[in-house]
């Protein structure tokens, strides 16, 4: 029976593409990055921030918030977020 189910859907060597989105709080898209299906999501964080296509507010006047999954709570990701001009990220920036 195992052979009739097909390949493992979580196989890291799968082919194809994935769309990685950054959306506003109401769900409207701000950025889209298309990458290979075998690229880890966290590796594209900086690319998603750089791909924002709308005019962003002056960081001196408006503090932008970025809500991230707990998996992004690492020093390298915090640096990427700050380099992208976002001053606060959740889980709270240390």
Foldseek 3Di string as FASTA:
>chain_A
DVVVVDDDPVDLPDFDKDWDFFADPVRHTQFIDIDTPNDDNLVCLLVRLVRGDDDDDDLVVDADEAEDDPVLQDPVSVVSCVVSVHDAYPVTHD
